[in-house]
Amino acid sequence: MFGLVITLLLAVGVYGCGTPTYAPQSRVVNGEDAVPHSWPWQISLQYEKAGAFHHTCGGSLIAPNWVLTAAHCISSGRTYQVVLGEHDRSASEGGEQIIAVDSADIFVHEKWRSSCVACGNDVALIKLSRTAHLNDQAQLGCLPQAGDVLPNNYPCYITGWGRLTTGGALPDVLQQALLPVVDHQTCTQRDWWGSSIKTTMICAGGDLQSGCNGDSGGPLNCQGPDGRWEVHGIASFVSSLGCNALKKPTVFTRVSAFNDWIQNIIGKN
């Protein structure tokens, strides 16, 4: 056991968090294929149906055995697995790590209400049944400092295997898109999202730039002053008008509002 702990500490020390081995392409405006393994904390959350597993949501590896995702991605009675090191879902590329999830190791925020997504608290933690092997394809995402709020137009990137258009197909290859932050003052205007947006949320993108179904639970990646990428948001919801509705940016759970909850769940389990 002691040897295992040392190995894990060395792995975390070598790779740190938020510093991918393969640099992301940072010129994208609308969505495009991501550089393979340039967002190595991105995971695919999959559920079992009729003996096969299917992608349902994204998520972020934030510790060697913990994944951060959205509460609305979790349905009681379903069996889940997490896939790390994924890029092209249509092919086995050799670096994927498929890790089972025990239903008792899924922790949904106690104030989450599935009947009211706009009420907030759309956050969940998944404890993996075994520790991830950290390497150039599977690394940790950094969490922002508690209370951090990004300014208007701050450049961030959504990543995921969500639909390319409203009602469209799910892509095989991981996508990324630049989603500048829309500050709370703007996003809560009456002709934007209005009072649906809480201070525990982040708005980003809008119109041509947005998340879509299948991106849920995945990260809003924002680069800090020290160059490390931080997971500032968890993809939560889009407009009923469609994924690319004008003045209806993608809404994320603001991770920096839940640092205490995250630390408390991991510390007790």
C-alpha atoms as a PDB file:
ATOM      1  CA  MET A   1       0.000   0.000   0.000  1.00  0.00           C
ATOM      2  CA  PHE A   2       2.801   2.428   0.917  1.00  0.00           C
ATOM      3  CA  GLY A   3       4.442   1.764  -2.451  1.00  0.00           C
ATOM      4  CA  LEU A   4       1.154   2.487  -4.224  1.00  0.00           C
ATOM      5  CA  VAL A   5       0.789   5.811  -2.421  1.00  0.00           C
ATOM      6  CA  ILE A   6       4.323   6.826  -3.443  1.00  0.00           C
ATOM      7  CA  THR A   7       3.602   5.858  -7.063  1.00  0.00           C
ATOM      8  CA  LEU A   8       0.435   7.962  -7.094  1.00  0.00           C
ATOM      9  CA  LEU A   9       2.189  10.942  -5.579  1.00  0.00           C
ATOM     10  CA  LEU A  10       4.945  10.662  -8.166  1.00  0.00           C
ATOM     11  CA  ALA A  11       2.404  10.462 -10.991  1.00  0.00           C
ATOM     12  CA  VAL A  12       0.543  13.531  -9.760  1.00  0.00           C
ATOM     13  CA  GLY A  13       3.850  15.316  -9.244  1.00  0.00           C
ATOM     14  CA  VAL A  14       5.038  14.577 -12.772  1.00  0.00           C
ATOM     15  CA  TYR A  15       1.812  15.623 -14.496  1.00  0.00           C
ATOM     16  CA  GLY A  16       0.418  18.140 -12.002  1.00  0.00           C
ATOM     17  CA  CYS A  17      -2.941  19.481 -13.120  1.00  0.00           C
ATOM     18  CA  GLY A  18      -4.101  21.584 -16.013  1.00  0.00           C
ATOM     19  CA  THR A  19      -0.901  21.193 -18.037  1.00  0.00           C
ATOM     20  CA  PRO A  20      -1.598  18.844 -20.979  1.00  0.00           C
ATOM     21  CA  THR A  21       1.312  17.153 -22.698  1.00  0.00           C
ATOM     22  CA  TYR A  22      -0.280  17.948 -26.063  1.00  0.00           C
ATOM     23  CA  ALA A  23      -1.141  21.644 -26.341  1.00  0.00           C
ATOM     24  CA  PRO A  24      -4.715  22.501 -27.349  1.00  0.00           C
ATOM     25  CA  GLN A  25      -5.336  24.315 -30.619  1.00  0.00           C
ATOM     26  CA  SER A  26      -6.459  27.733 -29.396  1.00  0.00           C
ATOM     27  CA  ARG A  27      -7.684  29.466 -32.557  1.00  0.00           C
ATOM     28  CA  VAL A  28     -11.085  27.818 -32.909  1.00  0.00           C
ATOM     29  CA  VAL A  29     -14.175  30.071 -33.044  1.00  0.00           C
ATOM     30  CA  ASN A  30     -16.902  27.542 -33.800  1.00  0.00           C
ATOM     31  CA  GLY A  31     -16.492  23.898 -32.833  1.00  0.00           C
ATOM     32  CA  GLU A  32     -13.845  21.713 -34.413  1.00  0.00           C
ATOM     33  CA  ASP A  33     -11.929  18.523 -33.693  1.00  0.00           C
ATOM     34  CA  ALA A  34      -9.685  18.849 -30.662  1.00  0.00           C
ATOM     35  CA  VAL A  35      -6.011  17.944 -30.836  1.00  0.00           C
ATOM     36  CA  PRO A  36      -5.868  14.328 -29.597  1.00  0.00           C
ATOM     37  CA  HIS A  37      -5.449  14.184 -25.805  1.00  0.00           C
ATOM     38  CA  SER A  38      -5.021  17.949 -25.469  1.00  0.00           C
ATOM     39  CA  TRP A  39      -7.764  17.985 -22.788  1.00  0.00           C
ATOM     40  CA  PRO A  40      -6.592  14.904 -20.853  1.00  0.00           C
ATOM     41  CA  TRP A  41      -8.953  15.397 -17.885  1.00  0.00           C
ATOM     42  CA  GLN A  42     -11.995  15.098 -20.183  1.00  0.00           C
ATOM     43  CA  ILE A  43     -13.847  11.819 -19.632  1.00  0.00           C
ATOM     44  CA  SER A  44     -16.763  10.076 -21.297  1.00  0.00           C
ATOM     45  CA  LEU A  45     -19.490   9.007 -18.867  1.00  0.00           C
ATOM     46  CA  GLN A  46     -21.307   5.997 -20.278  1.00  0.00           C
ATOM     47  CA  TYR A  47     -24.361   4.001 -19.211  1.00  0.00           C
ATOM     48  CA  GLU A  48     -25.242   0.373 -19.885  1.00  0.00           C
ATOM     49  CA  LYS A  49     -28.224  -0.576 -22.030  1.00  0.00           C
ATOM     50  CA  ALA A  50     -28.911  -3.992 -23.548  1.00  0.00           C
ATOM     51  CA  GLY A  51     -25.410  -5.186 -22.742  1.00  0.00           C
ATOM     52  CA  ALA A  52     -23.554  -2.247 -24.313  1.00  0.00           C
ATOM     53  CA  PHE A  53     -22.316   1.077 -22.965  1.00  0.00           C
ATOM     54  CA  HIS A  54     -23.348   4.390 -24.531  1.00  0.00           C
ATOM     55  CA  HIS A  55     -21.957   7.905 -24.107  1.00  0.00           C
ATOM     56  CA  THR A  56     -24.309  10.168 -22.174  1.00  0.00           C
ATOM     57  CA  CYS A  57     -22.231  12.974 -20.621  1.00  0.00           C
ATOM     58  CA  GLY A  58     -18.798  14.422 -20.145  1.00  0.00           C
ATOM     59  CA  GLY A  59     -16.886  15.008 -16.942  1.00  0.00           C
ATOM     60  CA  SER A  60     -13.489  15.994 -15.572  1.00  0.00           C
ATOM     61  CA  LEU A  61     -10.892  13.907 -13.773  1.00  0.00           C
ATOM     62  CA  ILE A  62      -9.968  16.082 -10.760  1.00  0.00           C
ATOM     63  CA  ALA A  63      -8.165  13.460  -8.650  1.00  0.00           C
ATOM     64  CA  PRO A  64      -6.741  10.043  -9.592  1.00  0.00           C
ATOM     65  CA  ASN A  65      -9.988   8.369  -8.513  1.00  0.00           C
ATOM     66  CA  TRP A  66     -12.567  11.190  -8.689  1.00  0.00           C
ATOM     67  CA  VAL A  67     -14.597  12.622 -11.570  1.00  0.00           C
ATOM     68  CA  LEU A  68     -16.598  15.855 -11.493  1.00  0.00           C
ATOM     69  CA  THR A  69     -19.773  15.954 -13.581  1.00  0.00           C
ATOM     70  CA  ALA A  70     -23.345  17.293 -13.584  1.00  0.00           C
ATOM     71  CA  ALA A  71     -26.069  15.996 -11.292  1.00  0.00           C
ATOM     72  CA  HIS A  72     -28.537  15.803 -14.171  1.00  0.00           C
ATOM     73  CA  CYS A  73     -26.275  13.243 -15.859  1.00  0.00           C
ATOM     74  CA  ILE A  74     -27.044  10.702 -13.125  1.00  0.00           C
ATOM     75  CA  SER A  75     -30.129   8.489 -13.148  1.00  0.00           C
ATOM     76  CA  SER A  76     -30.820   6.062 -10.333  1.00  0.00           C
ATOM     77  CA  GLY A  77     -30.863   2.430 -11.406  1.00  0.00           C
ATOM     78  CA  ARG A  78     -28.419   2.891 -14.259  1.00  0.00           C
ATOM     79  CA  THR A  79     -25.006   1.245 -14.423  1.00  0.00           C
ATOM     80  CA  TYR A  80     -22.164   3.577 -15.395  1.00  0.00           C
ATOM     81  CA  GLN A  81     -18.564   3.414 -16.480  1.00  0.00           C
ATOM     82  CA  VAL A  82     -15.992   6.141 -17.063  1.00  0.00           C
ATOM     83  CA  VAL A  83     -13.634   6.154 -20.040  1.00  0.00           C
ATOM     84  CA  LEU A  84     -10.372   8.099 -19.729  1.00  0.00           C
ATOM     85  CA  GLY A  85      -7.940   8.826 -22.553  1.00  0.00           C
ATOM     86  CA  GLU A  86     -10.754   8.849 -25.103  1.00  0.00           C
ATOM     87  CA  HIS A  87     -10.550  10.853 -28.328  1.00  0.00           C
ATOM     88  CA  ASP A  88     -12.237   9.025 -31.217  1.00  0.00           C
ATOM     89  CA  ARG A  89     -15.166   7.055 -29.829  1.00  0.00           C
ATOM     90  CA  SER A  90     -15.487   5.031 -33.034  1.00  0.00           C
ATOM     91  CA  ALA A  91     -12.072   3.401 -32.656  1.00  0.00           C
ATOM     92  CA  SER A  92      -9.948   1.700 -30.035  1.00  0.00           C
ATOM     93  CA  GLU A  93      -6.811   3.839 -29.986  1.00  0.00           C
ATOM     94  CA  GLY A  94      -4.950   1.890 -27.324  1.00  0.00           C
ATOM     95  CA  GLY A  95      -4.757   4.472 -24.547  1.00  0.00           C
ATOM     96  CA  GLU A  96      -8.302   4.297 -23.204  1.00  0.00           C
ATOM     97  CA  GLN A  97      -8.888   3.356 -19.580  1.00  0.00           C
ATOM     98  CA  ILE A  98     -12.341   1.924 -18.905  1.00  0.00           C
ATOM     99  CA  ILE A  99     -13.205   2.057 -15.209  1.00  0.00           C
ATOM    100  CA  ALA A 100     -16.358   0.710 -13.630  1.00  0.00           C
ATOM    101  CA  VAL A 101     -18.446   2.787 -11.256  1.00  0.00           C
ATOM    102  CA  ASP A 102     -20.226   1.444  -8.174  1.00  0.00           C
ATOM    103  CA  SER A 103     -23.646   3.071  -7.717  1.00  0.00           C
ATOM    104  CA  ALA A 104     -22.805   3.668  -4.038  1.00  0.00           C
ATOM    105  CA  ASP A 105     -19.853   5.806  -5.133  1.00  0.00           C
ATOM    106  CA  ILE A 106     -21.910   8.411  -7.002  1.00  0.00           C
ATOM    107  CA  PHE A 107     -22.564  11.565  -4.960  1.00  0.00           C
ATOM    108  CA  VAL A 108     -25.169  14.015  -6.223  1.00  0.00           C
ATOM    109  CA  HIS A 109     -25.464  17.410  -4.533  1.00  0.00           C
ATOM    110  CA  GLU A 110     -28.072  17.128  -1.788  1.00  0.00           C
ATOM    111  CA  LYS A 111     -29.883  20.289  -2.968  1.00  0.00           C
ATOM    112  CA  TRP A 112     -30.145  19.208  -6.590  1.00  0.00           C
ATOM    113  CA  ARG A 113     -33.723  18.987  -7.923  1.00  0.00           C
ATOM    114  CA  SER A 114     -34.191  17.191 -11.229  1.00  0.00           C
ATOM    115  CA  SER A 115     -37.488  19.017 -11.711  1.00  0.00           C
ATOM    116  CA  CYS A 116     -35.728  22.399 -11.590  1.00  0.00           C
ATOM    117  CA  VAL A 117     -32.416  22.532 -13.454  1.00  0.00           C
ATOM    118  CA  ALA A 118     -32.412  26.343 -13.231  1.00  0.00           C
ATOM    119  CA  CYS A 119     -32.536  26.115  -9.419  1.00  0.00           C
ATOM    120  CA  GLY A 120     -28.831  25.242  -9.510  1.00  0.00           C
ATOM    121  CA  ASN A 121     -26.648  22.748  -7.621  1.00  0.00           C
ATOM    122  CA  ASP A 122     -26.181  20.733 -10.832  1.00  0.00           C
ATOM    123  CA  VAL A 123     -23.023  19.013  -9.646  1.00  0.00           C
ATOM    124  CA  ALA A 124     -22.034  15.440  -8.833  1.00  0.00           C
ATOM    125  CA  LEU A 125     -18.900  13.509  -7.943  1.00  0.00           C
ATOM    126  CA  ILE A 126     -18.068   9.966  -9.040  1.00  0.00           C
ATOM    127  CA  LYS A 127     -15.530   7.872  -7.152  1.00  0.00           C
ATOM    128  CA  LEU A 128     -13.877   5.425  -9.525  1.00  0.00           C
ATOM    129  CA  SER A 129     -13.652   1.749  -8.617  1.00  0.00           C
ATOM    130  CA  ARG A 130      -9.902   1.889  -9.228  1.00  0.00           C
ATOM    131  CA  THR A 131      -7.338   4.635  -9.476  1.00  0.00           C
ATOM    132  CA  ALA A 132      -6.650   6.063 -12.909  1.00  0.00           C
ATOM    133  CA  HIS A 133      -3.190   5.613 -14.381  1.00  0.00           C
ATOM    134  CA  LEU A 134      -1.963   9.139 -15.007  1.00  0.00           C
ATOM    135  CA  ASN A 135      -0.009   9.505 -18.242  1.00  0.00           C
ATOM    136  CA  ASP A 136       0.147  11.756 -21.302  1.00  0.00           C
ATOM    137  CA  GLN A 137      -3.467  10.874 -22.190  1.00  0.00           C
ATOM    138  CA  ALA A 138      -5.099  10.956 -18.747  1.00  0.00           C
ATOM    139  CA  GLN A 139      -4.267  13.842 -16.437  1.00  0.00           C
ATOM    140  CA  LEU A 140      -5.965  15.936 -13.787  1.00  0.00           C
ATOM    141  CA  GLY A 141      -7.882  19.136 -14.343  1.00  0.00           C
ATOM    142  CA  CYS A 142      -7.217  21.960 -11.872  1.00  0.00           C
ATOM    143  CA  LEU A 143      -9.993  23.430  -9.776  1.00  0.00           C
ATOM    144  CA  PRO A 144     -10.207  27.224  -9.538  1.00  0.00           C
ATOM    145  CA  GLN A 145      -9.801  29.032  -6.251  1.00  0.00           C
ATOM    146  CA  ALA A 146     -12.976  29.201  -4.159  1.00  0.00           C
ATOM    147  CA  GLY A 147     -15.083  32.203  -5.128  1.00  0.00           C
ATOM    148  CA  ASP A 148     -13.261  32.936  -8.404  1.00  0.00           C
ATOM    149  CA  VAL A 149     -15.523  34.758 -10.867  1.00  0.00           C
ATOM    150  CA  LEU A 150     -14.212  35.374 -14.373  1.00  0.00           C
ATOM    151  CA  PRO A 151     -14.757  38.733 -16.098  1.00  0.00           C
ATOM    152  CA  ASN A 152     -16.927  39.308 -19.151  1.00  0.00           C
ATOM    153  CA  ASN A 153     -15.465  37.966 -22.423  1.00  0.00           C
ATOM    154  CA  TYR A 154     -12.801  35.859 -20.671  1.00  0.00           C
ATOM    155  CA  PRO A 155     -11.792  33.201 -23.234  1.00  0.00           C
ATOM    156  CA  CYS A 156     -12.722  29.653 -22.204  1.00  0.00           C
ATOM    157  CA  TYR A 157     -13.247  26.403 -24.110  1.00  0.00           C
ATOM    158  CA  ILE A 158     -16.005  23.850 -23.918  1.00  0.00           C
ATOM    159  CA  THR A 159     -15.022  20.290 -24.804  1.00  0.00           C
ATOM    160  CA  GLY A 160     -17.145  17.223 -25.386  1.00  0.00           C
ATOM    161  CA  TRP A 161     -18.839  14.765 -27.688  1.00  0.00           C
ATOM    162  CA  GLY A 162     -22.132  16.681 -27.700  1.00  0.00           C
ATOM    163  CA  ARG A 163     -24.360  17.088 -30.733  1.00  0.00           C
ATOM    164  CA  LEU A 164     -22.927  19.254 -33.514  1.00  0.00           C
ATOM    165  CA  THR A 165     -26.309  20.910 -34.113  1.00  0.00           C
ATOM    166  CA  THR A 166     -29.647  20.949 -32.321  1.00  0.00           C
ATOM    167  CA  GLY A 167     -31.076  17.445 -32.762  1.00  0.00           C
ATOM    168  CA  GLY A 168     -28.036  16.442 -34.814  1.00  0.00           C
ATOM    169  CA  ALA A 169     -25.635  13.525 -34.548  1.00  0.00           C
ATOM    170  CA  LEU A 170     -23.085  12.904 -31.834  1.00  0.00           C
ATOM    171  CA  PRO A 171     -19.518  13.226 -33.184  1.00  0.00           C
ATOM    172  CA  ASP A 172     -16.996  10.438 -32.855  1.00  0.00           C
ATOM    173  CA  VAL A 173     -14.059  12.795 -32.247  1.00  0.00           C
ATOM    174  CA  LEU A 174     -13.795  15.080 -29.218  1.00  0.00           C
ATOM    175  CA  GLN A 175     -14.845  18.631 -30.100  1.00  0.00           C
ATOM    176  CA  GLN A 176     -13.765  21.970 -28.656  1.00  0.00           C
ATOM    177  CA  ALA A 177     -15.183  25.448 -29.077  1.00  0.00           C
ATOM    178  CA  LEU A 178     -14.211  28.872 -27.804  1.00  0.00           C
ATOM    179  CA  LEU A 179     -16.894  30.157 -25.415  1.00  0.00           C
ATOM    180  CA  PRO A 180     -16.129  33.604 -24.001  1.00  0.00           C
ATOM    181  CA  VAL A 181     -17.646  34.219 -20.568  1.00  0.00           C
ATOM    182  CA  VAL A 182     -20.842  36.279 -20.431  1.00  0.00           C
ATOM    183  CA  ASP A 183     -20.844  38.037 -17.069  1.00  0.00           C
ATOM    184  CA  HIS A 184     -23.692  37.742 -14.578  1.00  0.00           C
ATOM    185  CA  GLN A 185     -24.924  41.292 -15.168  1.00  0.00           C
ATOM    186  CA  THR A 186     -25.346  40.660 -18.899  1.00  0.00           C
ATOM    187  CA  CYS A 187     -26.672  37.110 -18.681  1.00  0.00           C
ATOM    188  CA  THR A 188     -29.423  38.060 -16.203  1.00  0.00           C
ATOM    189  CA  GLN A 189     -30.847  40.778 -18.443  1.00  0.00           C
ATOM    190  CA  ARG A 190     -34.512  40.217 -19.288  1.00  0.00           C
ATOM    191  CA  ASP A 191     -33.898  39.449 -22.980  1.00  0.00           C
ATOM    192  CA  TRP A 192     -31.056  37.077 -22.096  1.00  0.00           C
ATOM    193  CA  TRP A 193     -31.595  34.387 -19.423  1.00  0.00           C
ATOM    194  CA  GLY A 194     -33.108  36.726 -16.838  1.00  0.00           C
ATOM    195  CA  SER A 195     -33.640  35.474 -13.290  1.00  0.00           C
ATOM    196  CA  SER A 196     -32.992  31.845 -14.319  1.00  0.00           C
ATOM    197  CA  ILE A 197     -29.281  32.484 -13.795  1.00  0.00           C
ATOM    198  CA  LYS A 198     -27.973  32.199 -10.246  1.00  0.00           C
ATOM    199  CA  THR A 199     -24.662  33.503  -8.915  1.00  0.00           C
ATOM    200  CA  THR A 200     -23.538  29.855  -8.671  1.00  0.00           C
ATOM    201  CA  MET A 201     -23.644  29.590 -12.477  1.00  0.00           C
ATOM    202  CA  ILE A 202     -21.514  30.784 -15.395  1.00  0.00           C
ATOM    203  CA  CYS A 203     -22.836  31.783 -18.812  1.00  0.00           C
ATOM    204  CA  ALA A 204     -20.505  31.388 -21.790  1.00  0.00           C
ATOM    205  CA  GLY A 205     -20.749  31.618 -25.563  1.00  0.00           C
ATOM    206  CA  GLY A 206     -24.107  32.002 -27.252  1.00  0.00           C
ATOM    207  CA  ASP A 207     -25.510  32.229 -30.799  1.00  0.00           C
ATOM    208  CA  LEU A 208     -22.964  30.383 -33.007  1.00  0.00           C
ATOM    209  CA  GLN A 209     -20.858  29.229 -30.076  1.00  0.00           C
ATOM    210  CA  SER A 210     -22.484  26.842 -27.621  1.00  0.00           C
ATOM    211  CA  GLY A 211     -22.637  23.486 -25.984  1.00  0.00           C
ATOM    212  CA  CYS A 212     -25.313  20.941 -26.911  1.00  0.00           C
ATOM    213  CA  ASN A 213     -26.846  17.666 -25.716  1.00  0.00           C
ATOM    214  CA  GLY A 214     -24.071  15.208 -24.857  1.00  0.00           C
ATOM    215  CA  ASP A 215     -21.708  17.942 -23.643  1.00  0.00           C
ATOM    216  CA  SER A 216     -23.493  17.969 -20.271  1.00  0.00           C
ATOM    217  CA  GLY A 217     -21.238  17.412 -17.280  1.00  0.00           C
ATOM    218  CA  GLY A 218     -18.136  18.304 -19.264  1.00  0.00           C
ATOM    219  CA  PRO A 219     -15.734  21.119 -18.426  1.00  0.00           C
ATOM    220  CA  LEU A 220     -15.552  24.792 -19.253  1.00  0.00           C
ATOM    221  CA  ASN A 221     -11.765  25.071 -19.515  1.00  0.00           C
ATOM    222  CA  CYS A 222     -10.223  28.454 -18.737  1.00  0.00           C
ATOM    223  CA  GLN A 223      -6.501  29.188 -18.648  1.00  0.00           C
ATOM    224  CA  GLY A 224      -5.182  30.887 -15.517  1.00  0.00           C
ATOM    225  CA  PRO A 225      -2.426  33.521 -15.254  1.00  0.00           C
ATOM    226  CA  ASP A 226       0.109  30.768 -14.525  1.00  0.00           C
ATOM    227  CA  GLY A 227      -0.754  28.985 -17.796  1.00  0.00           C
ATOM    228  CA  ARG A 228      -2.576  26.065 -16.182  1.00  0.00           C
ATOM    229  CA  TRP A 229      -6.067  25.159 -17.374  1.00  0.00           C
ATOM    230  CA  GLU A 230      -8.773  25.215 -14.724  1.00  0.00           C
ATOM    231  CA  VAL A 231     -12.216  23.613 -14.812  1.00  0.00           C
ATOM    232  CA  HIS A 232     -14.352  26.686 -14.094  1.00  0.00           C
ATOM    233  CA  GLY A 233     -17.660  25.241 -15.231  1.00  0.00           C
ATOM    234  CA  ILE A 234     -19.723  22.057 -15.520  1.00  0.00           C
ATOM    235  CA  ALA A 235     -22.003  22.087 -18.584  1.00  0.00           C
ATOM    236  CA  SER A 236     -25.546  22.281 -17.224  1.00  0.00           C
ATOM    237  CA  PHE A 237     -28.221  23.474 -19.671  1.00  0.00           C
ATOM    238  CA  VAL A 238     -29.008  25.223 -22.939  1.00  0.00           C
ATOM    239  CA  SER A 239     -32.117  26.979 -24.210  1.00  0.00           C
ATOM    240  CA  SER A 240     -35.268  25.073 -25.164  1.00  0.00           C
ATOM    241  CA  LEU A 241     -35.084  27.152 -28.370  1.00  0.00           C
ATOM    242  CA  GLY A 242     -31.994  25.183 -29.408  1.00  0.00           C
ATOM    243  CA  CYS A 243     -28.291  24.914 -28.688  1.00  0.00           C
ATOM    244  CA  ASN A 244     -27.390  28.051 -30.672  1.00  0.00           C
ATOM    245  CA  ALA A 245     -30.120  30.461 -29.596  1.00  0.00           C
ATOM    246  CA  LEU A 246     -29.317  34.179 -29.697  1.00  0.00           C
ATOM    247  CA  LYS A 247     -28.733  35.705 -26.248  1.00  0.00           C
ATOM    248  CA  LYS A 248     -29.044  32.272 -24.643  1.00  0.00           C
ATOM    249  CA  PRO A 249     -25.444  31.252 -23.895  1.00  0.00           C
ATOM    250  CA  THR A 250     -24.625  27.830 -22.519  1.00  0.00           C
ATOM    251  CA  VAL A 251     -25.081  27.711 -18.751  1.00  0.00           C
ATOM    252  CA  PHE A 252     -22.537  25.999 -16.523  1.00  0.00           C
ATOM    253  CA  THR A 253     -22.401  25.225 -12.829  1.00  0.00           C
ATOM    254  CA  ARG A 254     -19.708  27.534 -11.411  1.00  0.00           C
ATOM    255  CA  VAL A 255     -17.152  25.172  -9.875  1.00  0.00           C
ATOM    256  CA  SER A 256     -15.635  27.840  -7.625  1.00  0.00           C
ATOM    257  CA  ALA A 257     -18.977  28.055  -5.789  1.00  0.00           C
ATOM    258  CA  PHE A 258     -18.720  24.386  -4.780  1.00  0.00           C
ATOM    259  CA  ASN A 259     -15.112  23.954  -3.612  1.00  0.00           C
ATOM    260  CA  ASP A 260     -16.207  23.252  -0.035  1.00  0.00           C
ATOM    261  CA  TRP A 261     -18.774  20.670  -1.150  1.00  0.00           C
ATOM    262  CA  ILE A 262     -16.236  18.934  -3.393  1.00  0.00           C
ATOM    263  CA  GLN A 263     -13.602  18.818  -0.655  1.00  0.00           C
ATOM    264  CA  ASN A 264     -16.130  17.601   1.896  1.00  0.00           C
ATOM    265  CA  ILE A 265     -17.363  14.693  -0.271  1.00  0.00           C
ATOM    266  CA  ILE A 266     -13.859  13.576  -1.222  1.00  0.00           C
ATOM    267  CA  GLY A 267     -12.601  13.959   2.352  1.00  0.00           C
ATOM    268  CA  LYS A 268     -15.389  11.754   3.762  1.00  0.00           C
ATOM    269  CA  ASN A 269     -15.166   9.057   1.101  1.00  0.00           C
END
